[in-house]
Amino acid sequence: MTVARTDEHTLIQASVDEHMRGRVVSLYGAISRDCPSLGSLMMGWIGDYVGLRWPIAGGAVICIALWAWFYRRRSALAESLGTAPQPGKH
């Protein structure tokens, strides 16, 4: 996990315009720390009413849908991450 997080931060810092770098890294940090606990809280709350089978199935469907969306856009994402940020473009 440490290597993956270091790689993620390096990729973010290399692909984001210099004046936005701190904002993007802090937003990424908040999302990567808070979203899993918020999702767990929501799944547990829904699970109290309908059981755990449906929240887990719903989470799996959401993960598969996001994977499919990113998979279709992988070439555009790779191209945008492979080029340096252009100075003056905001």
PDB file of N, CA and C in Angstrom:
ATOM      1  N   MET A   1       0.823  -1.190   0.000  1.00  0.00           N
ATOM      2  CA  MET A   1       0.000   0.000   0.000  1.00  0.00           C
ATOM      3  C   MET A   1       0.869   1.257   0.000  1.00  0.00           C
ATOM      4  N   THR A   2       1.989   1.198   0.686  1.00  0.00           N
ATOM      5  CA  THR A   2       2.866   2.369   0.730  1.00  0.00           C
ATOM      6  C   THR A   2       3.417   2.682  -0.652  1.00  0.00           C
ATOM      7  N   VAL A   3       3.835   1.653  -1.379  1.00  0.00           N
ATOM      8  CA  VAL A   3       4.361   1.865  -2.730  1.00  0.00           C
ATOM      9  C   VAL A   3       3.273   2.399  -3.645  1.00  0.00           C
ATOM     10  N   ALA A   4       2.068   1.845  -3.541  1.00  0.00           N
ATOM     11  CA  ALA A   4       0.970   2.305  -4.396  1.00  0.00           C
ATOM     12  C   ALA A   4       0.632   3.766  -4.106  1.00  0.00           C
ATOM     13  N   ARG A   5       0.567   4.135  -2.842  1.00  0.00           N
ATOM     14  CA  ARG A   5       0.262   5.537  -2.500  1.00  0.00           C
ATOM     15  C   ARG A   5       1.365   6.478  -2.966  1.00  0.00           C
ATOM     16  N   THR A   6       2.615   6.049  -2.841  1.00  0.00           N
ATOM     17  CA  THR A   6       3.725   6.874  -3.317  1.00  0.00           C
ATOM     18  C   THR A   6       3.639   7.050  -4.825  1.00  0.00           C
ATOM     19  N   ASP A   7       3.335   5.975  -5.538  1.00  0.00           N
ATOM     20  CA  ASP A   7       3.169   6.069  -6.993  1.00  0.00           C
ATOM     21  C   ASP A   7       2.006   6.972  -7.368  1.00  0.00           C
ATOM     22  N   GLU A   8       0.901   6.862  -6.631  1.00  0.00           N
ATOM     23  CA  GLU A   8      -0.258   7.705  -6.918  1.00  0.00           C
ATOM     24  C   GLU A   8       0.083   9.184  -6.728  1.00  0.00           C
ATOM     25  N   HIS A   9       0.760   9.503  -5.641  1.00  0.00           N
ATOM     26  CA  HIS A   9       1.125  10.897  -5.394  1.00  0.00           C
ATOM     27  C   HIS A   9       2.106  11.409  -6.442  1.00  0.00           C
ATOM     28  N   THR A  10       3.044  10.577  -6.837  1.00  0.00           N
ATOM     29  CA  THR A  10       3.992  10.972  -7.879  1.00  0.00           C
ATOM     30  C   THR A  10       3.274  11.235  -9.187  1.00  0.00           C
ATOM     31  N   LEU A  11       2.345  10.364  -9.552  1.00  0.00           N
ATOM     32  CA  LEU A  11       1.583  10.530 -10.787  1.00  0.00           C
ATOM     33  C   LEU A  11       0.735  11.797 -10.738  1.00  0.00           C
ATOM     34  N   ILE A  12       0.091  12.039  -9.611  1.00  0.00           N
ATOM     35  CA  ILE A  12      -0.724  13.249  -9.472  1.00  0.00           C
ATOM     36  C   ILE A  12       0.148  14.489  -9.603  1.00  0.00           C
ATOM     37  N   GLN A  13       1.277  14.515  -8.902  1.00  0.00           N
ATOM     38  CA  GLN A  13       2.123  15.694  -8.920  1.00  0.00           C
ATOM     39  C   GLN A  13       2.743  15.933 -10.291  1.00  0.00           C
ATOM     40  N   ALA A  14       3.014  14.858 -11.020  1.00  0.00           N
ATOM     41  CA  ALA A  14       3.613  15.004 -12.349  1.00  0.00           C
ATOM     42  C   ALA A  14       2.599  15.412 -13.410  1.00  0.00           C
ATOM     43  N   SER A  15       1.322  15.124 -13.186  1.00  0.00           N
ATOM     44  CA  SER A  15       0.334  15.366 -14.246  1.00  0.00           C
ATOM     45  C   SER A  15      -0.551  16.578 -13.986  1.00  0.00           C
ATOM     46  N   VAL A  16      -0.361  17.247 -12.865  1.00  0.00           N
ATOM     47  CA  VAL A  16      -1.206  18.395 -12.532  1.00  0.00           C
ATOM     48  C   VAL A  16      -0.397  19.672 -12.689  1.00  0.00           C
ATOM     49  N   ASP A  17      -1.056  20.712 -13.163  1.00  0.00           N
ATOM     50  CA  ASP A  17      -0.405  22.004 -13.316  1.00  0.00           C
ATOM     51  C   ASP A  17       0.153  22.479 -11.978  1.00  0.00           C
ATOM     52  N   GLU A  18       1.281  23.148 -12.009  1.00  0.00           N
ATOM     53  CA  GLU A  18       2.019  23.493 -10.785  1.00  0.00           C
ATOM     54  C   GLU A  18       1.198  24.308  -9.788  1.00  0.00           C
ATOM     55  N   HIS A  19       0.414  25.252 -10.247  1.00  0.00           N
ATOM     56  CA  HIS A  19      -0.326  26.106  -9.310  1.00  0.00           C
ATOM     57  C   HIS A  19      -1.553  25.405  -8.708  1.00  0.00           C
ATOM     58  N   MET A  20      -1.923  24.251  -9.244  1.00  0.00           N
ATOM     59  CA  MET A  20      -3.067  23.496  -8.709  1.00  0.00           C
ATOM     60  C   MET A  20      -2.624  22.259  -7.923  1.00  0.00           C
ATOM     61  N   ARG A  21      -1.360  21.987  -7.872  1.00  0.00           N
ATOM     62  CA  ARG A  21      -0.838  20.752  -7.310  1.00  0.00           C
ATOM     63  C   ARG A  21      -1.253  20.526  -5.861  1.00  0.00           C
ATOM     64  N   GLY A  22      -1.107  21.512  -5.014  1.00  0.00           N
ATOM     65  CA  GLY A  22      -1.462  21.360  -3.604  1.00  0.00           C
ATOM     66  C   GLY A  22      -2.936  21.097  -3.399  1.00  0.00           C
ATOM     67  N   ARG A  23      -3.763  21.780  -4.160  1.00  0.00           N
ATOM     68  CA  ARG A  23      -5.209  21.581  -4.048  1.00  0.00           C
ATOM     69  C   ARG A  23      -5.614  20.178  -4.465  1.00  0.00           C
ATOM     70  N   VAL A  24      -5.051  19.714  -5.565  1.00  0.00           N
ATOM     71  CA  VAL A  24      -5.407  18.390  -6.074  1.00  0.00           C
ATOM     72  C   VAL A  24      -4.927  17.297  -5.124  1.00  0.00           C
ATOM     73  N   VAL A  25      -3.711  17.422  -4.598  1.00  0.00           N
ATOM     74  CA  VAL A  25      -3.184  16.414  -3.673  1.00  0.00           C
ATOM     75  C   VAL A  25      -4.004  16.398  -2.387  1.00  0.00           C
ATOM     76  N   SER A  26      -4.393  17.564  -1.877  1.00  0.00           N
ATOM     77  CA  SER A  26      -5.197  17.579  -0.650  1.00  0.00           C
ATOM     78  C   SER A  26      -6.593  17.017  -0.897  1.00  0.00           C
ATOM     79  N   LEU A  27      -7.185  17.296  -2.051  1.00  0.00           N
ATOM     80  CA  LEU A  27      -8.487  16.728  -2.388  1.00  0.00           C
ATOM     81  C   LEU A  27      -8.385  15.211  -2.528  1.00  0.00           C
ATOM     82  N   TYR A  28      -7.323  14.738  -3.175  1.00  0.00           N
ATOM     83  CA  TYR A  28      -7.110  13.300  -3.300  1.00  0.00           C
ATOM     84  C   TYR A  28      -6.966  12.656  -1.925  1.00  0.00           C
ATOM     85  N   GLY A  29      -6.222  13.287  -1.049  1.00  0.00           N
ATOM     86  CA  GLY A  29      -6.037  12.751   0.298  1.00  0.00           C
ATOM     87  C   GLY A  29      -7.344  12.650   1.058  1.00  0.00           C
ATOM     88  N   ALA A  30      -8.165  13.690   0.955  1.00  0.00           N
ATOM     89  CA  ALA A  30      -9.462  13.662   1.639  1.00  0.00           C
ATOM     90  C   ALA A  30     -10.357  12.565   1.073  1.00  0.00           C
ATOM     91  N   ILE A  31     -10.382  12.431  -0.230  1.00  0.00           N
ATOM     92  CA  ILE A  31     -11.226  11.407  -0.857  1.00  0.00           C
ATOM     93  C   ILE A  31     -10.730  10.008  -0.512  1.00  0.00           C
ATOM     94  N   SER A  32      -9.429   9.782  -0.589  1.00  0.00           N
ATOM     95  CA  SER A  32      -8.916   8.430  -0.352  1.00  0.00           C
ATOM     96  C   SER A  32      -9.019   8.010   1.111  1.00  0.00           C
ATOM     97  N   ARG A  33      -9.097   8.956   2.026  1.00  0.00           N
ATOM     98  CA  ARG A  33      -9.236   8.606   3.442  1.00  0.00           C
ATOM     99  C   ARG A  33     -10.686   8.545   3.894  1.00  0.00           C
ATOM    100  N   ASP A  34     -11.516   9.440   3.380  1.00  0.00           N
ATOM    101  CA  ASP A  34     -12.882   9.569   3.891  1.00  0.00           C
ATOM    102  C   ASP A  34     -13.910   8.718   3.163  1.00  0.00           C
ATOM    103  N   CYS A  35     -13.755   8.512   1.878  1.00  0.00           N
ATOM    104  CA  CYS A  35     -14.773   7.781   1.120  1.00  0.00           C
ATOM    105  C   CYS A  35     -14.940   6.323   1.556  1.00  0.00           C
ATOM    106  N   PRO A  36     -13.867   5.573   1.819  1.00  0.00           N
ATOM    107  CA  PRO A  36     -14.098   4.200   2.272  1.00  0.00           C
ATOM    108  C   PRO A  36     -14.881   4.126   3.581  1.00  0.00           C
ATOM    109  N   SER A  37     -14.581   4.995   4.531  1.00  0.00           N
ATOM    110  CA  SER A  37     -15.313   4.951   5.798  1.00  0.00           C
ATOM    111  C   SER A  37     -16.747   5.435   5.618  1.00  0.00           C
ATOM    112  N   LEU A  38     -16.966   6.420   4.763  1.00  0.00           N
ATOM    113  CA  LEU A  38     -18.327   6.877   4.493  1.00  0.00           C
ATOM    114  C   LEU A  38     -19.125   5.781   3.788  1.00  0.00           C
ATOM    115  N   GLY A  39     -18.510   5.094   2.835  1.00  0.00           N
ATOM    116  CA  GLY A  39     -19.184   3.992   2.145  1.00  0.00           C
ATOM    117  C   GLY A  39     -19.514   2.850   3.094  1.00  0.00           C
ATOM    118  N   SER A  40     -18.601   2.543   3.990  1.00  0.00           N
ATOM    119  CA  SER A  40     -18.865   1.484   4.976  1.00  0.00           C
ATOM    120  C   SER A  40     -20.010   1.859   5.900  1.00  0.00           C
ATOM    121  N   LEU A  41     -20.040   3.110   6.316  1.00  0.00           N
ATOM    122  CA  LEU A  41     -21.128   3.586   7.168  1.00  0.00           C
ATOM    123  C   LEU A  41     -22.473   3.472   6.446  1.00  0.00           C
ATOM    124  N   MET A  42     -22.513   3.892   5.185  1.00  0.00           N
ATOM    125  CA  MET A  42     -23.758   3.818   4.413  1.00  0.00           C
ATOM    126  C   MET A  42     -24.183   2.374   4.188  1.00  0.00           C
ATOM    127  N   MET A  43     -23.226   1.501   3.861  1.00  0.00           N
ATOM    128  CA  MET A  43     -23.570   0.094   3.634  1.00  0.00           C
ATOM    129  C   MET A  43     -24.075  -0.558   4.917  1.00  0.00           C
ATOM    130  N   GLY A  44     -23.478  -0.214   6.044  1.00  0.00           N
ATOM    131  CA  GLY A  44     -23.949  -0.754   7.318  1.00  0.00           C
ATOM    132  C   GLY A  44     -25.332  -0.254   7.678  1.00  0.00           C
ATOM    133  N   TRP A  45     -25.585   1.029   7.408  1.00  0.00           N
ATOM    134  CA  TRP A  45     -26.897   1.613   7.705  1.00  0.00           C
ATOM    135  C   TRP A  45     -27.978   0.967   6.835  1.00  0.00           C
ATOM    136  N   ILE A  46     -27.698   0.816   5.545  1.00  0.00           N
ATOM    137  CA  ILE A  46     -28.656   0.153   4.645  1.00  0.00           C
ATOM    138  C   ILE A  46     -28.795  -1.313   5.034  1.00  0.00           C
ATOM    139  N   GLY A  47     -27.688  -1.941   5.429  1.00  0.00           N
ATOM    140  CA  GLY A  47     -27.714  -3.342   5.832  1.00  0.00           C
ATOM    141  C   GLY A  47     -28.582  -3.607   7.051  1.00  0.00           C
ATOM    142  N   ASP A  48     -28.730  -2.616   7.922  1.00  0.00           N
ATOM    143  CA  ASP A  48     -29.627  -2.765   9.070  1.00  0.00           C
ATOM    144  C   ASP A  48     -31.076  -2.963   8.631  1.00  0.00           C
ATOM    145  N   TYR A  49     -31.428  -2.390   7.490  1.00  0.00           N
ATOM    146  CA  TYR A  49     -32.814  -2.453   7.023  1.00  0.00           C
ATOM    147  C   TYR A  49     -33.084  -3.606   6.056  1.00  0.00           C
ATOM    148  N   VAL A  50     -32.125  -3.907   5.189  1.00  0.00           N
ATOM    149  CA  VAL A  50     -32.388  -4.909   4.148  1.00  0.00           C
ATOM    150  C   VAL A  50     -31.458  -6.113   4.208  1.00  0.00           C
ATOM    151  N   GLY A  51     -30.534  -6.147   5.172  1.00  0.00           N
ATOM    152  CA  GLY A  51     -29.540  -7.221   5.216  1.00  0.00           C
ATOM    153  C   GLY A  51     -28.304  -6.810   4.427  1.00  0.00           C
ATOM    154  N   LEU A  52     -27.219  -7.526   4.598  1.00  0.00           N
ATOM    155  CA  LEU A  52     -25.958  -7.129   3.964  1.00  0.00           C
ATOM    156  C   LEU A  52     -25.819  -7.560   2.508  1.00  0.00           C
ATOM    157  N   ARG A  53     -26.641  -8.502   2.062  1.00  0.00           N
ATOM    158  CA  ARG A  53     -26.500  -8.997   0.694  1.00  0.00           C
ATOM    159  C   ARG A  53     -26.695  -7.874  -0.334  1.00  0.00           C
ATOM    160  N   TRP A  54     -27.746  -7.060  -0.177  1.00  0.00           N
ATOM    161  CA  TRP A  54     -28.037  -6.018  -1.165  1.00  0.00           C
ATOM    162  C   TRP A  54     -27.024  -4.867  -1.154  1.00  0.00           C
ATOM    163  N   PRO A  55     -26.592  -4.367  -0.007  1.00  0.00           N
ATOM    164  CA  PRO A  55     -25.569  -3.321  -0.046  1.00  0.00           C
ATOM    165  C   PRO A  55     -24.245  -3.790  -0.649  1.00  0.00           C
ATOM    166  N   ILE A  56     -23.852  -5.014  -0.355  1.00  0.00           N
ATOM    167  CA  ILE A  56     -22.603  -5.529  -0.925  1.00  0.00           C
ATOM    168  C   ILE A  56     -22.749  -5.731  -2.428  1.00  0.00           C
ATOM    169  N   ALA A  57     -23.893  -6.238  -2.856  1.00  0.00           N
ATOM    170  CA  ALA A  57     -24.134  -6.398  -4.298  1.00  0.00           C
ATOM    171  C   ALA A  57     -24.161  -5.036  -4.992  1.00  0.00           C
ATOM    172  N   GLY A  58     -24.776  -4.052  -4.354  1.00  0.00           N
ATOM    173  CA  GLY A  58     -24.810  -2.702  -4.934  1.00  0.00           C
ATOM    174  C   GLY A  58     -23.422  -2.099  -5.040  1.00  0.00           C
ATOM    175  N   GLY A  59     -22.595  -2.293  -3.989  1.00  0.00           N
ATOM    176  CA  GLY A  59     -21.215  -1.818  -4.049  1.00  0.00           C
ATOM    177  C   GLY A  59     -20.427  -2.490  -5.149  1.00  0.00           C
ATOM    178  N   ALA A  60     -20.655  -3.786  -5.348  1.00  0.00           N
ATOM    179  CA  ALA A  60     -19.976  -4.509  -6.422  1.00  0.00           C
ATOM    180  C   ALA A  60     -20.390  -3.975  -7.793  1.00  0.00           C
ATOM    181  N   VAL A  61     -21.679  -3.707  -7.958  1.00  0.00           N
ATOM    182  CA  VAL A  61     -22.168  -3.159  -9.240  1.00  0.00           C
ATOM    183  C   VAL A  61     -21.551  -1.788  -9.505  1.00  0.00           C
ATOM    184  N   ILE A  62     -21.470  -0.962  -8.474  1.00  0.00           N
ATOM    185  CA  ILE A  62     -20.863   0.360  -8.640  1.00  0.00           C
ATOM    186  C   ILE A  62     -19.392   0.233  -9.015  1.00  0.00           C
ATOM    187  N   CYS A  63     -18.659  -0.656  -8.354  1.00  0.00           N
ATOM    188  CA  CYS A  63     -17.240  -0.863  -8.671  1.00  0.00           C
ATOM    189  C   CYS A  63     -17.053  -1.365 -10.104  1.00  0.00           C
ATOM    190  N   ILE A  64     -17.880  -2.306 -10.527  1.00  0.00           N
ATOM    191  CA  ILE A  64     -17.778  -2.834 -11.892  1.00  0.00           C
ATOM    192  C   ILE A  64     -18.123  -1.758 -12.915  1.00  0.00           C
ATOM    193  N   ALA A  65     -19.131  -0.941 -12.635  1.00  0.00           N
ATOM    194  CA  ALA A  65     -19.506   0.141 -13.553  1.00  0.00           C
ATOM    195  C   ALA A  65     -18.384   1.167 -13.669  1.00  0.00           C
ATOM    196  N   LEU A  66     -17.774   1.537 -12.551  1.00  0.00           N
ATOM    197  CA  LEU A  66     -16.652   2.478 -12.603  1.00  0.00           C
ATOM    198  C   LEU A  66     -15.467   1.881 -13.344  1.00  0.00           C
ATOM    199  N   TRP A  67     -15.175   0.609 -13.104  1.00  0.00           N
ATOM    200  CA  TRP A  67     -14.088  -0.045 -13.812  1.00  0.00           C
ATOM    201  C   TRP A  67     -14.350  -0.016 -15.316  1.00  0.00           C
ATOM    202  N   ALA A  68     -15.577  -0.346 -15.738  1.00  0.00           N
ATOM    203  CA  ALA A  68     -15.913  -0.369 -17.164  1.00  0.00           C
ATOM    204  C   ALA A  68     -15.772   1.016 -17.778  1.00  0.00           C
ATOM    205  N   TRP A  69     -16.189   2.054 -17.040  1.00  0.00           N
ATOM    206  CA  TRP A  69     -16.085   3.427 -17.550  1.00  0.00           C
ATOM    207  C   TRP A  69     -14.623   3.811 -17.728  1.00  0.00           C
ATOM    208  N   PHE A  70     -13.787   3.534 -16.719  1.00  0.00           N
ATOM    209  CA  PHE A  70     -12.370   3.853 -16.826  1.00  0.00           C
ATOM    210  C   PHE A  70     -11.679   2.985 -17.875  1.00  0.00           C
ATOM    211  N   TYR A  71     -12.095   1.747 -18.006  1.00  0.00           N
ATOM    212  CA  TYR A  71     -11.492   0.860 -18.995  1.00  0.00           C
ATOM    213  C   TYR A  71     -11.732   1.378 -20.411  1.00  0.00           C
ATOM    214  N   ARG A  72     -12.929   1.883 -20.673  1.00  0.00           N
ATOM    215  CA  ARG A  72     -13.226   2.442 -22.006  1.00  0.00           C
ATOM    216  C   ARG A  72     -12.431   3.702 -22.269  1.00  0.00           C
ATOM    217  N   ARG A  73     -12.116   4.446 -21.231  1.00  0.00           N
ATOM    218  CA  ARG A  73     -11.396   5.709 -21.393  1.00  0.00           C
ATOM    219  C   ARG A  73      -9.897   5.572 -21.163  1.00  0.00           C
ATOM    220  N   ARG A  74      -9.382   4.353 -21.054  1.00  0.00           N
ATOM    221  CA  ARG A  74      -7.996   4.157 -20.662  1.00  0.00           C
ATOM    222  C   ARG A  74      -6.998   4.785 -21.625  1.00  0.00           C
ATOM    223  N   SER A  75      -7.250   4.768 -22.912  1.00  0.00           N
ATOM    224  CA  SER A  75      -6.291   5.358 -23.851  1.00  0.00           C
ATOM    225  C   SER A  75      -6.248   6.875 -23.705  1.00  0.00           C
ATOM    226  N   ALA A  76      -7.401   7.500 -23.528  1.00  0.00           N
ATOM    227  CA  ALA A  76      -7.426   8.958 -23.331  1.00  0.00           C
ATOM    228  C   ALA A  76      -6.772   9.328 -22.002  1.00  0.00           C
ATOM    229  N   LEU A  77      -7.018   8.528 -20.976  1.00  0.00           N
ATOM    230  CA  LEU A  77      -6.401   8.805 -19.678  1.00  0.00           C
ATOM    231  C   LEU A  77      -4.893   8.619 -19.745  1.00  0.00           C
ATOM    232  N   ALA A  78      -4.437   7.565 -20.404  1.00  0.00           N
ATOM    233  CA  ALA A  78      -2.998   7.324 -20.534  1.00  0.00           C
ATOM    234  C   ALA A  78      -2.328   8.430 -21.328  1.00  0.00           C
ATOM    235  N   GLU A  79      -2.990   8.902 -22.366  1.00  0.00           N
ATOM    236  CA  GLU A  79      -2.429   9.984 -23.167  1.00  0.00           C
ATOM    237  C   GLU A  79      -2.331  11.271 -22.361  1.00  0.00           C
ATOM    238  N   SER A  80      -3.366  11.576 -21.588  1.00  0.00           N
ATOM    239  CA  SER A  80      -3.332  12.811 -20.810  1.00  0.00           C
ATOM    240  C   SER A  80      -2.327  12.730 -19.666  1.00  0.00           C
ATOM    241  N   LEU A  81      -2.109  11.547 -19.121  1.00  0.00           N
ATOM    242  CA  LEU A  81      -1.128  11.404 -18.049  1.00  0.00           C
ATOM    243  C   LEU A  81       0.290  11.322 -18.583  1.00  0.00           C
ATOM    244  N   GLY A  82       0.434  10.969 -19.849  1.00  0.00           N
ATOM    245  CA  GLY A  82       1.758  10.840 -20.435  1.00  0.00           C
ATOM    246  C   GLY A  82       2.351  12.150 -20.905  1.00  0.00           C
ATOM    247  N   THR A  83       1.559  13.201 -20.949  1.00  0.00           N
ATOM    248  CA  THR A  83       2.058  14.499 -21.377  1.00  0.00           C
ATOM    249  C   THR A  83       2.169  15.424 -20.184  1.00  0.00           C
ATOM    250  N   ALA A  84       3.161  16.287 -20.235  1.00  0.00           N
ATOM    251  CA  ALA A  84       3.372  17.244 -19.147  1.00  0.00           C
ATOM    252  C   ALA A  84       2.294  18.335 -19.207  1.00  0.00           C
ATOM    253  N   PRO A  85       1.956  18.918 -18.069  1.00  0.00           N
ATOM    254  CA  PRO A  85       0.985  20.021 -18.083  1.00  0.00           C
ATOM    255  C   PRO A  85       1.507  21.182 -18.903  1.00  0.00           C
ATOM    256  N   GLN A  86       0.630  21.826 -19.640  1.00  0.00           N
ATOM    257  CA  GLN A  86       1.012  22.949 -20.469  1.00  0.00           C
ATOM    258  C   GLN A  86       0.974  24.233 -19.661  1.00  0.00           C
ATOM    259  N   PRO A  87       2.062  25.002 -19.639  1.00  0.00           N
ATOM    260  CA  PRO A  87       2.048  26.253 -18.887  1.00  0.00           C
ATOM    261  C   PRO A  87       1.048  27.228 -19.490  1.00  0.00           C
ATOM    262  N   GLY A  88       0.307  27.889 -18.637  1.00  0.00           N
ATOM    263  CA  GLY A  88      -0.659  28.874 -19.096  1.00  0.00           C
ATOM    264  C   GLY A  88      -2.029  28.318 -19.391  1.00  0.00           C
ATOM    265  N   LYS A  89      -2.180  26.994 -19.504  1.00  0.00           N
ATOM    266  CA  LYS A  89      -3.490  26.382 -19.743  1.00  0.00           C
ATOM    267  C   LYS A  89      -4.127  26.054 -18.405  1.00  0.00           C
ATOM    268  N   HIS A  90      -5.307  26.538 -18.178  1.00  0.00           N
ATOM    269  CA  HIS A  90      -5.978  26.314 -16.876  1.00  0.00           C
ATOM    270  C   HIS A  90      -7.221  25.546 -17.081  1.00  0.00           C
TER     271      HIS A  90
END
